[in-house]
Amino acid sequence: MNVKFDFAKTVYVKPIDVADLPVELRDQAGDLDHLFAVHNADGEQLALAATNALAVHLALENDLQPVSLH
């Protein structure tokens, strides 16, 4: 089976602790303890989302393929 996969469109979704964010972002997170970061293959953070489902949705809406990291 020959399946081509465009790794340039892969993004990684990982949970992060709000406490690890800069103060400006911590204030915006409200009562949340965790957020979900979306990163490209180079490690650049593209987005923060309140839930894993929202992070995946953001990736898919932008024609990106999300992969979960633990």
PDB file of N, CA and C in Angstrom:
ATOM      1  N   MET A   1       0.849  -1.172   0.000  1.00  0.00           N
ATOM      2  CA  MET A   1       0.000   0.000   0.000  1.00  0.00           C
ATOM      3  C   MET A   1       0.894   1.235   0.000  1.00  0.00           C
ATOM      4  N   ASN A   2       0.682   2.109  -0.955  1.00  0.00           N
ATOM      5  CA  ASN A   2       1.420   3.361  -1.060  1.00  0.00           C
ATOM      6  C   ASN A   2       0.508   4.517  -0.703  1.00  0.00           C
ATOM      7  N   VAL A   3       0.655   5.027   0.496  1.00  0.00           N
ATOM      8  CA  VAL A   3      -0.170   6.145   0.947  1.00  0.00           C
ATOM      9  C   VAL A   3       0.755   7.316   1.216  1.00  0.00           C
ATOM     10  N   LYS A   4       0.444   8.448   0.580  1.00  0.00           N
ATOM     11  CA  LYS A   4       1.249   9.644   0.816  1.00  0.00           C
ATOM     12  C   LYS A   4       0.653  10.422   1.976  1.00  0.00           C
ATOM     13  N   PHE A   5       1.531  10.912   2.839  1.00  0.00           N
ATOM     14  CA  PHE A   5       1.084  11.678   3.997  1.00  0.00           C
ATOM     15  C   PHE A   5       1.879  12.963   4.034  1.00  0.00           C
ATOM     16  N   ASP A   6       1.192  14.082   4.142  1.00  0.00           N
ATOM     17  CA  ASP A   6       1.838  15.390   4.173  1.00  0.00           C
ATOM     18  C   ASP A   6       2.124  15.769   5.626  1.00  0.00           C
ATOM     19  N   PHE A   7       3.356  15.514   6.059  1.00  0.00           N
ATOM     20  CA  PHE A   7       3.723  15.799   7.449  1.00  0.00           C
ATOM     21  C   PHE A   7       3.764  17.296   7.736  1.00  0.00           C
ATOM     22  N   ALA A   8       3.830  18.122   6.710  1.00  0.00           N
ATOM     23  CA  ALA A   8       3.831  19.572   6.918  1.00  0.00           C
ATOM     24  C   ALA A   8       2.502  20.037   7.495  1.00  0.00           C
ATOM     25  N   LYS A   9       1.475  19.230   7.332  1.00  0.00           N
ATOM     26  CA  LYS A   9       0.157  19.595   7.835  1.00  0.00           C
ATOM     27  C   LYS A   9      -0.154  18.941   9.188  1.00  0.00           C
ATOM     28  N   THR A  10       0.823  18.289   9.778  1.00  0.00           N
ATOM     29  CA  THR A  10       0.636  17.651  11.075  1.00  0.00           C
ATOM     30  C   THR A  10       0.854  18.676  12.184  1.00  0.00           C
ATOM     31  N   VAL A  11      -0.049  18.699  13.138  1.00  0.00           N
ATOM     32  CA  VAL A  11       0.118  19.524  14.336  1.00  0.00           C
ATOM     33  C   VAL A  11      -0.062  18.626  15.547  1.00  0.00           C
ATOM     34  N   TYR A  12       0.500  19.065  16.643  1.00  0.00           N
ATOM     35  CA  TYR A  12       0.499  18.267  17.864  1.00  0.00           C
ATOM     36  C   TYR A  12      -0.302  18.984  18.939  1.00  0.00           C
ATOM     37  N   VAL A  13      -1.191  18.247  19.578  1.00  0.00           N
ATOM     38  CA  VAL A  13      -2.054  18.788  20.633  1.00  0.00           C
ATOM     39  C   VAL A  13      -1.588  18.187  21.952  1.00  0.00           C
ATOM     40  N   LYS A  14      -1.265  19.065  22.901  1.00  0.00           N
ATOM     41  CA  LYS A  14      -0.810  18.553  24.189  1.00  0.00           C
ATOM     42  C   LYS A  14      -1.399  19.375  25.316  1.00  0.00           C
ATOM     43  N   PRO A  15      -1.697  18.707  26.430  1.00  0.00           N
ATOM     44  CA  PRO A  15      -2.200  19.437  27.603  1.00  0.00           C
ATOM     45  C   PRO A  15      -1.064  20.209  28.262  1.00  0.00           C
ATOM     46  N   ILE A  16      -1.384  21.390  28.762  1.00  0.00           N
ATOM     47  CA  ILE A  16      -0.402  22.188  29.494  1.00  0.00           C
ATOM     48  C   ILE A  16      -1.054  22.734  30.756  1.00  0.00           C
ATOM     49  N   ASP A  17      -0.259  22.913  31.775  1.00  0.00           N
ATOM     50  CA  ASP A  17      -0.745  23.493  33.024  1.00  0.00           C
ATOM     51  C   ASP A  17      -0.809  25.005  32.878  1.00  0.00           C
ATOM     52  N   VAL A  18      -1.910  25.583  33.271  1.00  0.00           N
ATOM     53  CA  VAL A  18      -2.063  27.034  33.218  1.00  0.00           C
ATOM     54  C   VAL A  18      -0.975  27.700  34.062  1.00  0.00           C
ATOM     55  N   ALA A  19      -0.576  27.075  35.156  1.00  0.00           N
ATOM     56  CA  ALA A  19       0.451  27.636  36.038  1.00  0.00           C
ATOM     57  C   ALA A  19       1.790  27.820  35.328  1.00  0.00           C
ATOM     58  N   ASP A  20       2.013  27.092  34.228  1.00  0.00           N
ATOM     59  CA  ASP A  20       3.268  27.191  33.481  1.00  0.00           C
ATOM     60  C   ASP A  20       3.247  28.309  32.441  1.00  0.00           C
ATOM     61  N   LEU A  21       2.115  28.966  32.279  1.00  0.00           N
ATOM     62  CA  LEU A  21       1.977  30.031  31.272  1.00  0.00           C
ATOM     63  C   LEU A  21       2.419  31.378  31.833  1.00  0.00           C
ATOM     64  N   PRO A  22       2.752  32.317  30.949  1.00  0.00           N
ATOM     65  CA  PRO A  22       3.032  33.680  31.411  1.00  0.00           C
ATOM     66  C   PRO A  22       1.806  34.273  32.115  1.00  0.00           C
ATOM     67  N   VAL A  23       2.042  35.222  32.998  1.00  0.00           N
ATOM     68  CA  VAL A  23       0.979  35.813  33.817  1.00  0.00           C
ATOM     69  C   VAL A  23      -0.180  36.322  32.964  1.00  0.00           C
ATOM     70  N   GLU A  24       0.128  36.975  31.848  1.00  0.00           N
ATOM     71  CA  GLU A  24      -0.941  37.536  30.999  1.00  0.00           C
ATOM     72  C   GLU A  24      -1.914  36.449  30.533  1.00  0.00           C
ATOM     73  N   LEU A  25      -1.373  35.292  30.179  1.00  0.00           N
ATOM     74  CA  LEU A  25      -2.227  34.194  29.721  1.00  0.00           C
ATOM     75  C   LEU A  25      -2.933  33.505  30.877  1.00  0.00           C
ATOM     76  N   ARG A  26      -2.253  33.408  32.020  1.00  0.00           N
ATOM     77  CA  ARG A  26      -2.899  32.804  33.195  1.00  0.00           C
ATOM     78  C   ARG A  26      -4.155  33.575  33.570  1.00  0.00           C
ATOM     79  N   ASP A  27      -4.076  34.886  33.517  1.00  0.00           N
ATOM     80  CA  ASP A  27      -5.232  35.721  33.849  1.00  0.00           C
ATOM     81  C   ASP A  27      -6.387  35.465  32.890  1.00  0.00           C
ATOM     82  N   GLN A  28      -6.082  35.227  31.625  1.00  0.00           N
ATOM     83  CA  GLN A  28      -7.122  34.994  30.618  1.00  0.00           C
ATOM     84  C   GLN A  28      -7.740  33.602  30.731  1.00  0.00           C
ATOM     85  N   ALA A  29      -7.055  32.685  31.381  1.00  0.00           N
ATOM     86  CA  ALA A  29      -7.544  31.303  31.481  1.00  0.00           C
ATOM     87  C   ALA A  29      -8.665  31.143  32.500  1.00  0.00           C
ATOM     88  N   GLY A  30      -8.880  32.171  33.308  1.00  0.00           N
ATOM     89  CA  GLY A  30      -9.964  32.097  34.280  1.00  0.00           C
ATOM     90  C   GLY A  30      -9.746  31.002  35.298  1.00  0.00           C
ATOM     91  N   ASP A  31     -10.760  30.154  35.490  1.00  0.00           N
ATOM     92  CA  ASP A  31     -10.717  29.088  36.503  1.00  0.00           C
ATOM     93  C   ASP A  31     -10.113  27.781  35.987  1.00  0.00           C
ATOM     94  N   LEU A  32      -9.665  27.755  34.753  1.00  0.00           N
ATOM     95  CA  LEU A  32      -9.132  26.515  34.183  1.00  0.00           C
ATOM     96  C   LEU A  32      -7.759  26.196  34.765  1.00  0.00           C
ATOM     97  N   ASP A  33      -7.517  24.918  35.027  1.00  0.00           N
ATOM     98  CA  ASP A  33      -6.217  24.460  35.508  1.00  0.00           C
ATOM     99  C   ASP A  33      -5.327  24.000  34.355  1.00  0.00           C
ATOM    100  N   HIS A  34      -5.962  23.533  33.263  1.00  0.00           N
ATOM    101  CA  HIS A  34      -5.234  23.020  32.103  1.00  0.00           C
ATOM    102  C   HIS A  34      -5.807  23.622  30.827  1.00  0.00           C
ATOM    103  N   LEU A  35      -4.947  23.796  29.840  1.00  0.00           N
ATOM    104  CA  LEU A  35      -5.345  24.178  28.494  1.00  0.00           C
ATOM    105  C   LEU A  35      -4.712  23.176  27.540  1.00  0.00           C
ATOM    106  N   PHE A  36      -5.057  23.283  26.272  1.00  0.00           N
ATOM    107  CA  PHE A  36      -4.487  22.402  25.262  1.00  0.00           C
ATOM    108  C   PHE A  36      -3.798  23.263  24.211  1.00  0.00           C
ATOM    109  N   ALA A  37      -2.509  23.004  24.031  1.00  0.00           N
ATOM    110  CA  ALA A  37      -1.710  23.767  23.081  1.00  0.00           C
ATOM    111  C   ALA A  37      -1.632  23.010  21.766  1.00  0.00           C
ATOM    112  N   VAL A  38      -1.660  23.762  20.669  1.00  0.00           N
ATOM    113  CA  VAL A  38      -1.493  23.211  19.330  1.00  0.00           C
ATOM    114  C   VAL A  38      -0.149  23.713  18.817  1.00  0.00           C
ATOM    115  N   HIS A  39       0.741  22.778  18.463  1.00  0.00           N
ATOM    116  CA  HIS A  39       2.092  23.112  17.997  1.00  0.00           C
ATOM    117  C   HIS A  39       2.331  22.539  16.607  1.00  0.00           C
ATOM    118  N   ASN A  40       3.127  23.248  15.797  1.00  0.00           N
ATOM    119  CA  ASN A  40       3.523  22.685  14.514  1.00  0.00           C
ATOM    120  C   ASN A  40       4.730  21.778  14.707  1.00  0.00           C
ATOM    121  N   ALA A  41       5.228  21.199  13.631  1.00  0.00           N
ATOM    122  CA  ALA A  41       6.333  20.241  13.719  1.00  0.00           C
ATOM    123  C   ALA A  41       7.622  20.878  14.213  1.00  0.00           C
ATOM    124  N   ASP A  42       7.755  22.198  14.070  1.00  0.00           N
ATOM    125  CA  ASP A  42       8.940  22.909  14.543  1.00  0.00           C
ATOM    126  C   ASP A  42       8.837  23.297  16.014  1.00  0.00           C
ATOM    127  N   GLY A  43       7.714  22.975  16.648  1.00  0.00           N
ATOM    128  CA  GLY A  43       7.515  23.296  18.049  1.00  0.00           C
ATOM    129  C   GLY A  43       6.886  24.648  18.299  1.00  0.00           C
ATOM    130  N   GLU A  44       6.584  25.384  17.239  1.00  0.00           N
ATOM    131  CA  GLU A  44       5.948  26.698  17.382  1.00  0.00           C
ATOM    132  C   GLU A  44       4.506  26.533  17.852  1.00  0.00           C
ATOM    133  N   GLN A  45       4.142  27.241  18.910  1.00  0.00           N
ATOM    134  CA  GLN A  45       2.768  27.188  19.407  1.00  0.00           C
ATOM    135  C   GLN A  45       1.867  27.990  18.486  1.00  0.00           C
ATOM    136  N   LEU A  46       0.827  27.344  17.983  1.00  0.00           N
ATOM    137  CA  LEU A  46      -0.098  27.984  17.063  1.00  0.00           C
ATOM    138  C   LEU A  46      -1.366  28.459  17.739  1.00  0.00           C
ATOM    139  N   ALA A  47      -1.772  27.752  18.798  1.00  0.00           N
ATOM    140  CA  ALA A  47      -3.035  28.097  19.464  1.00  0.00           C
ATOM    141  C   ALA A  47      -3.082  27.493  20.856  1.00  0.00           C
ATOM    142  N   LEU A  48      -3.948  28.069  21.676  1.00  0.00           N
ATOM    143  CA  LEU A  48      -4.316  27.506  22.975  1.00  0.00           C
ATOM    144  C   LEU A  48      -5.822  27.335  22.970  1.00  0.00           C
ATOM    145  N   ALA A  49      -6.293  26.224  23.509  1.00  0.00           N
ATOM    146  CA  ALA A  49      -7.731  25.960  23.549  1.00  0.00           C
ATOM    147  C   ALA A  49      -8.118  25.467  24.939  1.00  0.00           C
ATOM    148  N   ALA A  50      -9.356  25.706  25.299  1.00  0.00           N
ATOM    149  CA  ALA A  50      -9.855  25.312  26.613  1.00  0.00           C
ATOM    150  C   ALA A  50     -10.027  23.796  26.753  1.00  0.00           C
ATOM    151  N   THR A  51     -10.305  23.121  25.657  1.00  0.00           N
ATOM    152  CA  THR A  51     -10.518  21.671  25.699  1.00  0.00           C
ATOM    153  C   THR A  51      -9.758  20.992  24.571  1.00  0.00           C
ATOM    154  N   ASN A  52      -9.514  19.697  24.743  1.00  0.00           N
ATOM    155  CA  ASN A  52      -8.881  18.914  23.686  1.00  0.00           C
ATOM    156  C   ASN A  52      -9.754  18.913  22.433  1.00  0.00           C
ATOM    157  N   ALA A  53     -11.037  18.763  22.619  1.00  0.00           N
ATOM    158  CA  ALA A  53     -11.956  18.738  21.475  1.00  0.00           C
ATOM    159  C   ALA A  53     -11.882  20.036  20.677  1.00  0.00           C
ATOM    160  N   LEU A  54     -11.797  21.156  21.362  1.00  0.00           N
ATOM    161  CA  LEU A  54     -11.701  22.443  20.679  1.00  0.00           C
ATOM    162  C   LEU A  54     -10.366  22.563  19.940  1.00  0.00           C
ATOM    163  N   ALA A  55      -9.285  22.101  20.547  1.00  0.00           N
ATOM    164  CA  ALA A  55      -7.977  22.141  19.895  1.00  0.00           C
ATOM    165  C   ALA A  55      -7.978  21.303  18.613  1.00  0.00           C
ATOM    166  N   VAL A  56      -8.561  20.116  18.678  1.00  0.00           N
ATOM    167  CA  VAL A  56      -8.658  19.245  17.501  1.00  0.00           C
ATOM    168  C   VAL A  56      -9.523  19.908  16.437  1.00  0.00           C
ATOM    169  N   HIS A  57     -10.636  20.478  16.853  1.00  0.00           N
ATOM    170  CA  HIS A  57     -11.535  21.159  15.916  1.00  0.00           C
ATOM    171  C   HIS A  57     -10.808  22.314  15.214  1.00  0.00           C
ATOM    172  N   LEU A  58     -10.054  23.113  15.968  1.00  0.00           N
ATOM    173  CA  LEU A  58      -9.300  24.220  15.376  1.00  0.00           C
ATOM    174  C   LEU A  58      -8.330  23.716  14.310  1.00  0.00           C
ATOM    175  N   ALA A  59      -7.635  22.626  14.614  1.00  0.00           N
ATOM    176  CA  ALA A  59      -6.695  22.056  13.656  1.00  0.00           C
ATOM    177  C   ALA A  59      -7.412  21.601  12.390  1.00  0.00           C
ATOM    178  N   LEU A  60      -8.474  20.842  12.560  1.00  0.00           N
ATOM    179  CA  LEU A  60      -9.197  20.324  11.404  1.00  0.00           C
ATOM    180  C   LEU A  60      -9.809  21.435  10.563  1.00  0.00           C
ATOM    181  N   GLU A  61     -10.317  22.469  11.198  1.00  0.00           N
ATOM    182  CA  GLU A  61     -10.902  23.601  10.467  1.00  0.00           C
ATOM    183  C   GLU A  61      -9.857  24.350   9.640  1.00  0.00           C
ATOM    184  N   ASN A  62      -8.592  24.183   9.998  1.00  0.00           N
ATOM    185  CA  ASN A  62      -7.508  24.831   9.264  1.00  0.00           C
ATOM    186  C   ASN A  62      -6.742  23.844   8.388  1.00  0.00           C
ATOM    187  N   ASP A  63      -7.421  22.748   8.046  1.00  0.00           N
ATOM    188  CA  ASP A  63      -6.860  21.711   7.166  1.00  0.00           C
ATOM    189  C   ASP A  63      -5.547  21.131   7.679  1.00  0.00           C
ATOM    190  N   LEU A  64      -5.460  20.992   8.987  1.00  0.00           N
ATOM    191  CA  LEU A  64      -4.286  20.391   9.624  1.00  0.00           C
ATOM    192  C   LEU A  64      -4.682  19.063  10.246  1.00  0.00           C
ATOM    193  N   GLN A  65      -3.723  18.164  10.378  1.00  0.00           N
ATOM    194  CA  GLN A  65      -3.978  16.843  10.949  1.00  0.00           C
ATOM    195  C   GLN A  65      -3.465  16.795  12.384  1.00  0.00           C
ATOM    196  N   PRO A  66      -4.379  16.796  13.381  1.00  0.00           N
ATOM    197  CA  PRO A  66      -3.933  16.790  14.788  1.00  0.00           C
ATOM    198  C   PRO A  66      -3.484  15.406  15.256  1.00  0.00           C
ATOM    199  N   VAL A  67      -2.447  15.415  16.077  1.00  0.00           N
ATOM    200  CA  VAL A  67      -1.936  14.217  16.740  1.00  0.00           C
ATOM    201  C   VAL A  67      -1.829  14.561  18.214  1.00  0.00           C
ATOM    202  N   SER A  68      -2.336  13.700  19.079  1.00  0.00           N
ATOM    203  CA  SER A  68      -2.300  13.962  20.520  1.00  0.00           C
ATOM    204  C   SER A  68      -0.961  13.562  21.116  1.00  0.00           C
ATOM    205  N   LEU A  69      -0.465  14.410  22.007  1.00  0.00           N
ATOM    206  CA  LEU A  69       0.734  14.109  22.789  1.00  0.00           C
ATOM    207  C   LEU A  69       0.318  14.054  24.252  1.00  0.00           C
ATOM    208  N   HIS A  70       1.046  13.282  25.022  1.00  0.00           N
ATOM    209  CA  HIS A  70       0.706  13.151  26.452  1.00  0.00           C
ATOM    210  C   HIS A  70       1.730  13.881  27.273  1.00  0.00           C
TER     211      HIS A  70
END
